[in-house]
């Protein structure tokens, strides 16, 4: 592995599509960590319309606190780093496959 392969890719090099994917992954991560609180919030809201505001205040506050905790920048950075590493591995794999195809083509 060359020196360039070991350096992390700066976040500013991510495309808007990549940013969207990271946002989606962070949301899924937060929902998975707050699953029980989300279920309590959903159950409290079931069958309610207007009374949700005051009847489910505790469930709403608990859910929002949990979700906001996992939507912090430090979690985003971890998720972004994992995403970048996955992307780098895909690029390296594609380069290796391309090199193998070129070798095969040269033999023919």
N, C-alpha and C. Protein backbone atom coordinates (compact mmCIF):
# COMPACT_ATOMS: atom_id res chain seq x y z
N UNK A 1 0.85 -1.17 0.00
CA UNK A 1 0.00 0.00 0.00
C UNK A 1 0.90 1.24 0.00
N UNK A 2 0.59 2.18 -0.86
CA UNK A 2 1.41 3.38 -0.97
C UNK A 2 1.03 4.38 0.12
N UNK A 3 1.86 5.40 0.27
CA UNK A 3 1.63 6.45 1.28
C UNK A 3 0.29 7.15 1.03
N UNK A 4 -0.04 7.38 -0.23
CA UNK A 4 -1.30 8.07 -0.57
C UNK A 4 -2.51 7.25 -0.15
N UNK A 5 -2.40 5.91 -0.19
CA UNK A 5 -3.52 5.06 0.20
C UNK A 5 -3.77 5.10 1.70
N UNK A 6 -2.77 5.42 2.49
CA UNK A 6 -2.90 5.44 3.95
C UNK A 6 -3.47 6.76 4.47
N UNK A 7 -3.34 7.82 3.72
CA UNK A 7 -3.84 9.12 4.17
C UNK A 7 -5.36 9.15 4.08
N UNK A 8 -6.02 9.67 5.11
CA UNK A 8 -7.48 9.75 5.03
C UNK A 8 -7.91 10.77 3.98
N UNK A 9 -9.01 10.47 3.32
CA UNK A 9 -9.55 11.40 2.34
C UNK A 9 -10.24 12.52 3.10
N UNK A 10 -9.93 13.77 2.79
CA UNK A 10 -10.59 14.88 3.49
C UNK A 10 -12.10 14.86 3.23
N UNK A 11 -12.88 15.20 4.25
CA UNK A 11 -14.33 15.18 4.10
C UNK A 11 -14.82 16.13 3.02
N UNK A 12 -14.06 17.18 2.73
CA UNK A 12 -14.51 18.12 1.72
C UNK A 12 -14.46 17.51 0.32
N UNK A 13 -13.88 16.34 0.18
CA UNK A 13 -13.83 15.67 -1.12
C UNK A 13 -15.02 14.76 -1.35
N UNK A 14 -15.93 14.69 -0.39
CA UNK A 14 -17.11 13.86 -0.55
C UNK A 14 -18.11 14.57 -1.47
N UNK A 15 -18.74 13.80 -2.31
CA UNK A 15 -19.75 14.36 -3.21
C UNK A 15 -21.05 14.59 -2.43
N UNK A 16 -21.96 15.37 -2.99
CA UNK A 16 -23.26 15.54 -2.33
C UNK A 16 -23.98 14.21 -2.12
N UNK A 17 -23.81 13.29 -3.06
CA UNK A 17 -24.42 11.96 -2.92
C UNK A 17 -23.81 11.23 -1.72
N UNK A 18 -22.49 11.35 -1.55
CA UNK A 18 -21.81 10.73 -0.41
C UNK A 18 -22.30 11.34 0.89
N UNK A 19 -22.43 12.66 0.92
CA UNK A 19 -22.92 13.35 2.12
C UNK A 19 -24.33 12.86 2.47
N UNK A 20 -25.14 12.69 1.45
CA UNK A 20 -26.50 12.20 1.66
C UNK A 20 -26.48 10.78 2.24
N UNK A 21 -25.61 9.94 1.71
CA UNK A 21 -25.47 8.57 2.20
C UNK A 21 -25.02 8.56 3.67
N UNK A 22 -24.08 9.42 4.02
CA UNK A 22 -23.59 9.51 5.40
C UNK A 22 -24.73 9.99 6.32
N UNK A 23 -25.50 10.97 5.87
CA UNK A 23 -26.64 11.44 6.66
C UNK A 23 -27.64 10.30 6.90
N UNK A 24 -27.90 9.54 5.85
CA UNK A 24 -28.83 8.41 5.96
C UNK A 24 -28.30 7.37 6.94
N UNK A 25 -27.02 7.07 6.85
CA UNK A 25 -26.41 6.09 7.76
C UNK A 25 -26.45 6.59 9.21
N UNK A 26 -26.22 7.88 9.41
CA UNK A 26 -26.26 8.41 10.76
C UNK A 26 -27.68 8.33 11.31
N UNK A 27 -28.67 8.63 10.49
CA UNK A 27 -30.06 8.52 10.92
C UNK A 27 -30.43 7.09 11.29
N UNK A 28 -30.01 6.13 10.48
CA UNK A 28 -30.27 4.72 10.79
C UNK A 28 -29.57 4.31 12.08
N UNK A 29 -28.34 4.79 12.26
CA UNK A 29 -27.59 4.49 13.48
C UNK A 29 -28.33 5.03 14.69
N UNK A 30 -28.77 6.28 14.62
CA UNK A 30 -29.49 6.90 15.74
C UNK A 30 -30.79 6.16 16.02
N UNK A 31 -31.52 5.82 14.97
CA UNK A 31 -32.78 5.09 15.17
C UNK A 31 -32.55 3.72 15.78
N UNK A 32 -31.46 3.05 15.40
CA UNK A 32 -31.19 1.74 15.97
C UNK A 32 -30.82 1.85 17.45
N UNK A 33 -30.11 2.90 17.83
CA UNK A 33 -29.72 3.10 19.22
C UNK A 33 -30.89 3.55 20.09
N UNK A 34 -31.86 4.23 19.50
CA UNK A 34 -32.99 4.78 20.24
C UNK A 34 -34.28 3.99 19.98
N UNK A 35 -34.15 2.76 19.54
CA UNK A 35 -35.29 1.96 19.12
C UNK A 35 -36.38 1.87 20.19
N UNK A 36 -36.01 1.58 21.44
CA UNK A 36 -37.00 1.43 22.51
C UNK A 36 -37.75 2.74 22.77
N UNK A 37 -37.01 3.85 22.75
CA UNK A 37 -37.65 5.15 22.98
C UNK A 37 -38.55 5.54 21.81
N UNK A 38 -38.15 5.18 20.60
CA UNK A 38 -39.00 5.45 19.44
C UNK A 38 -40.29 4.64 19.52
N UNK A 39 -40.17 3.40 19.98
CA UNK A 39 -41.37 2.56 20.11
C UNK A 39 -42.31 3.13 21.19
N UNK A 40 -41.75 3.59 22.30
CA UNK A 40 -42.57 4.18 23.36
C UNK A 40 -43.28 5.44 22.85
N UNK A 41 -42.55 6.25 22.08
CA UNK A 41 -43.12 7.46 21.49
C UNK A 41 -44.26 7.09 20.54
N UNK A 42 -44.04 6.10 19.70
CA UNK A 42 -45.05 5.67 18.73
C UNK A 42 -46.29 5.14 19.45
N UNK A 43 -46.08 4.31 20.46
CA UNK A 43 -47.22 3.75 21.21
C UNK A 43 -48.02 4.85 21.90
N UNK A 44 -47.34 5.82 22.47
CA UNK A 44 -48.04 6.92 23.14
C UNK A 44 -48.88 7.73 22.16
N UNK A 45 -48.38 7.90 20.95
CA UNK A 45 -49.07 8.70 19.95
C UNK A 45 -50.20 7.95 19.24
N UNK A 46 -50.21 6.64 19.37
CA UNK A 46 -51.21 5.84 18.67
C UNK A 46 -52.62 6.25 19.11
N UNK A 47 -53.44 6.59 18.14
CA UNK A 47 -54.83 6.94 18.41
C UNK A 47 -55.04 8.37 18.90
N UNK A 48 -54.01 9.16 18.94
CA UNK A 48 -54.15 10.53 19.43
C UNK A 48 -54.02 11.51 18.25
N UNK A 49 -54.63 12.66 18.42
CA UNK A 49 -54.45 13.72 17.44
C UNK A 49 -53.90 14.95 18.15
N UNK A 50 -54.75 15.71 18.75
CA UNK A 50 -54.35 16.96 19.38
C UNK A 50 -53.68 16.72 20.73
N UNK A 51 -54.13 15.74 21.48
CA UNK A 51 -53.62 15.51 22.83
C UNK A 51 -52.17 15.02 22.86
N UNK A 52 -51.61 14.70 21.72
CA UNK A 52 -50.22 14.24 21.65
C UNK A 52 -49.27 15.23 22.29
N UNK A 53 -49.50 16.50 22.07
CA UNK A 53 -48.60 17.55 22.56
C UNK A 53 -48.35 17.45 24.05
N UNK A 54 -49.38 17.25 24.84
CA UNK A 54 -49.18 17.22 26.28
C UNK A 54 -49.18 15.80 26.85
N UNK A 55 -49.90 14.89 26.22
CA UNK A 55 -49.99 13.53 26.77
C UNK A 55 -48.68 12.76 26.59
N UNK A 56 -47.94 13.05 25.54
CA UNK A 56 -46.71 12.30 25.23
C UNK A 56 -45.46 13.15 25.39
N UNK A 57 -45.53 14.16 26.23
CA UNK A 57 -44.39 15.07 26.39
C UNK A 57 -43.13 14.32 26.84
N UNK A 58 -43.24 13.44 27.83
CA UNK A 58 -42.08 12.73 28.34
C UNK A 58 -41.48 11.83 27.26
N UNK A 59 -42.32 11.09 26.56
CA UNK A 59 -41.85 10.19 25.50
C UNK A 59 -41.18 10.99 24.38
N UNK A 60 -41.78 12.14 24.04
CA UNK A 60 -41.21 12.99 23.00
C UNK A 60 -39.84 13.52 23.43
N UNK A 61 -39.76 14.01 24.65
CA UNK A 61 -38.50 14.56 25.15
C UNK A 61 -37.41 13.49 25.23
N UNK A 62 -37.77 12.31 25.72
CA UNK A 62 -36.80 11.21 25.82
C UNK A 62 -36.29 10.80 24.44
N UNK A 63 -37.22 10.67 23.49
CA UNK A 63 -36.83 10.28 22.14
C UNK A 63 -35.94 11.33 21.50
N UNK A 64 -36.32 12.60 21.63
CA UNK A 64 -35.54 13.68 21.02
C UNK A 64 -34.15 13.78 21.64
N UNK A 65 -34.05 13.60 22.95
CA UNK A 65 -32.75 13.65 23.62
C UNK A 65 -31.84 12.54 23.11
N UNK A 66 -32.39 11.36 22.98
CA UNK A 66 -31.61 10.22 22.48
C UNK A 66 -31.18 10.45 21.03
N UNK A 67 -32.12 10.84 20.19
CA UNK A 67 -31.80 11.06 18.77
C UNK A 67 -30.75 12.17 18.62
N UNK A 68 -30.91 13.25 19.35
CA UNK A 68 -29.95 14.35 19.25
C UNK A 68 -28.56 13.93 19.72
N UNK A 69 -28.52 13.07 20.73
CA UNK A 69 -27.23 12.57 21.21
C UNK A 69 -26.48 11.84 20.09
N UNK A 70 -27.17 10.97 19.37
CA UNK A 70 -26.53 10.17 18.32
C UNK A 70 -26.39 10.91 16.99
N UNK A 71 -26.92 12.11 16.90
CA UNK A 71 -26.76 12.92 15.70
C UNK A 71 -25.64 13.96 15.87
N UNK A 72 -24.86 13.83 16.92
CA UNK A 72 -23.76 14.75 17.19
C UNK A 72 -22.63 14.57 16.18
N UNK A 73 -21.81 15.61 15.99
CA UNK A 73 -20.72 15.56 15.01
C UNK A 73 -19.71 14.43 15.24
N UNK A 74 -19.46 14.05 16.50
CA UNK A 74 -18.49 12.99 16.73
C UNK A 74 -18.97 11.65 16.17
N UNK A 75 -20.28 11.37 16.24
CA UNK A 75 -20.82 10.15 15.64
C UNK A 75 -20.79 10.26 14.12
N UNK A 76 -21.08 11.45 13.61
CA UNK A 76 -21.03 11.66 12.16
C UNK A 76 -19.62 11.41 11.63
N UNK A 77 -18.64 11.88 12.36
CA UNK A 77 -17.25 11.69 11.95
C UNK A 77 -16.89 10.20 11.89
N UNK A 78 -17.32 9.44 12.89
CA UNK A 78 -17.07 8.00 12.89
C UNK A 78 -17.73 7.32 11.70
N UNK A 79 -18.96 7.68 11.43
CA UNK A 79 -19.70 7.09 10.32
C UNK A 79 -19.07 7.51 8.99
N UNK A 80 -18.67 8.78 8.89
CA UNK A 80 -18.02 9.27 7.66
C UNK A 80 -16.70 8.55 7.43
N UNK A 81 -15.92 8.35 8.49
CA UNK A 81 -14.64 7.64 8.35
C UNK A 81 -14.85 6.20 7.89
N UNK A 82 -15.86 5.54 8.44
CA UNK A 82 -16.17 4.17 8.00
C UNK A 82 -16.61 4.17 6.54
N UNK A 83 -17.42 5.15 6.15
CA UNK A 83 -17.88 5.25 4.77
C UNK A 83 -16.69 5.47 3.82
N UNK A 84 -15.79 6.37 4.22
CA UNK A 84 -14.61 6.66 3.39
C UNK A 84 -13.75 5.42 3.25
N UNK A 85 -13.59 4.68 4.33
CA UNK A 85 -12.78 3.46 4.28
C UNK A 85 -13.42 2.44 3.33
N UNK A 86 -14.75 2.29 3.40
CA UNK A 86 -15.45 1.39 2.48
C UNK A 86 -15.23 1.82 1.03
N UNK A 87 -15.34 3.12 0.81
CA UNK A 87 -15.17 3.65 -0.55
C UNK A 87 -13.75 3.42 -1.05
N UNK A 88 -12.76 3.63 -0.17
CA UNK A 88 -11.37 3.39 -0.55
C UNK A 88 -11.15 1.93 -0.91
N UNK A 89 -11.74 1.02 -0.13
CA UNK A 89 -11.59 -0.41 -0.41
C UNK A 89 -12.22 -0.77 -1.75
N UNK A 90 -13.36 -0.18 -2.06
CA UNK A 90 -14.00 -0.43 -3.35
C UNK A 90 -13.12 0.08 -4.50
N UNK A 91 -12.52 1.24 -4.31
CA UNK A 91 -11.64 1.81 -5.34
C UNK A 91 -10.42 0.92 -5.54
N UNK A 92 -9.82 0.48 -4.42
CA UNK A 92 -8.64 -0.39 -4.53
C UNK A 92 -9.00 -1.71 -5.20
N UNK A 93 -10.15 -2.27 -4.87
CA UNK A 93 -10.59 -3.52 -5.49
C UNK A 93 -10.80 -3.32 -6.99
N UNK A 94 -11.42 -2.22 -7.37
CA UNK A 94 -11.66 -1.94 -8.79
C UNK A 94 -10.33 -1.76 -9.53
N UNK A 95 -9.36 -1.10 -8.90
CA UNK A 95 -8.05 -0.93 -9.53
C UNK A 95 -7.36 -2.27 -9.72
N UNK A 96 -7.45 -3.15 -8.71
CA UNK A 96 -6.83 -4.47 -8.81
C UNK A 96 -7.49 -5.28 -9.93
N UNK A 97 -8.81 -5.25 -9.99
CA UNK A 97 -9.52 -5.98 -11.03
C UNK A 97 -9.16 -5.43 -12.41
N UNK A 98 -9.04 -4.11 -12.52
CA UNK A 98 -8.66 -3.49 -13.78
C UNK A 98 -7.25 -3.91 -14.19
N UNK A 99 -6.34 -3.95 -13.23
CA UNK A 99 -4.97 -4.36 -13.52
C UNK A 99 -4.93 -5.82 -13.97
N UNK A 100 -5.72 -6.68 -13.35
CA UNK A 100 -5.78 -8.08 -13.75
C UNK A 100 -6.34 -8.23 -15.16
N UNK A 101 -7.36 -7.45 -15.48
CA UNK A 101 -7.93 -7.49 -16.83
C UNK A 101 -6.92 -7.03 -17.87
N UNK A 102 -6.15 -5.99 -17.53
CA UNK A 102 -5.12 -5.51 -18.46
C UNK A 102 -4.04 -6.56 -18.66
N UNK A 103 -3.66 -7.27 -17.61
CA UNK A 103 -2.66 -8.34 -17.74
C UNK A 103 -3.17 -9.46 -18.65
N UNK A 104 -4.44 -9.83 -18.44
CA UNK A 104 -5.04 -10.87 -19.28
C UNK A 104 -5.09 -10.44 -20.74
N UNK A 105 -5.43 -9.17 -20.97
CA UNK A 105 -5.53 -8.65 -22.33
C UNK A 105 -4.16 -8.64 -22.99
N UNK A 106 -3.12 -8.37 -22.23
CA UNK A 106 -1.77 -8.36 -22.79
C UNK A 106 -1.32 -9.77 -23.16
N UNK A 107 -1.75 -10.78 -22.44
CA UNK A 107 -1.38 -12.16 -22.73
C UNK A 107 -2.04 -12.68 -24.00
N UNK A 108 -3.17 -12.13 -24.33
CA UNK A 108 -3.91 -12.61 -25.50
C UNK A 108 -3.37 -12.05 -26.75
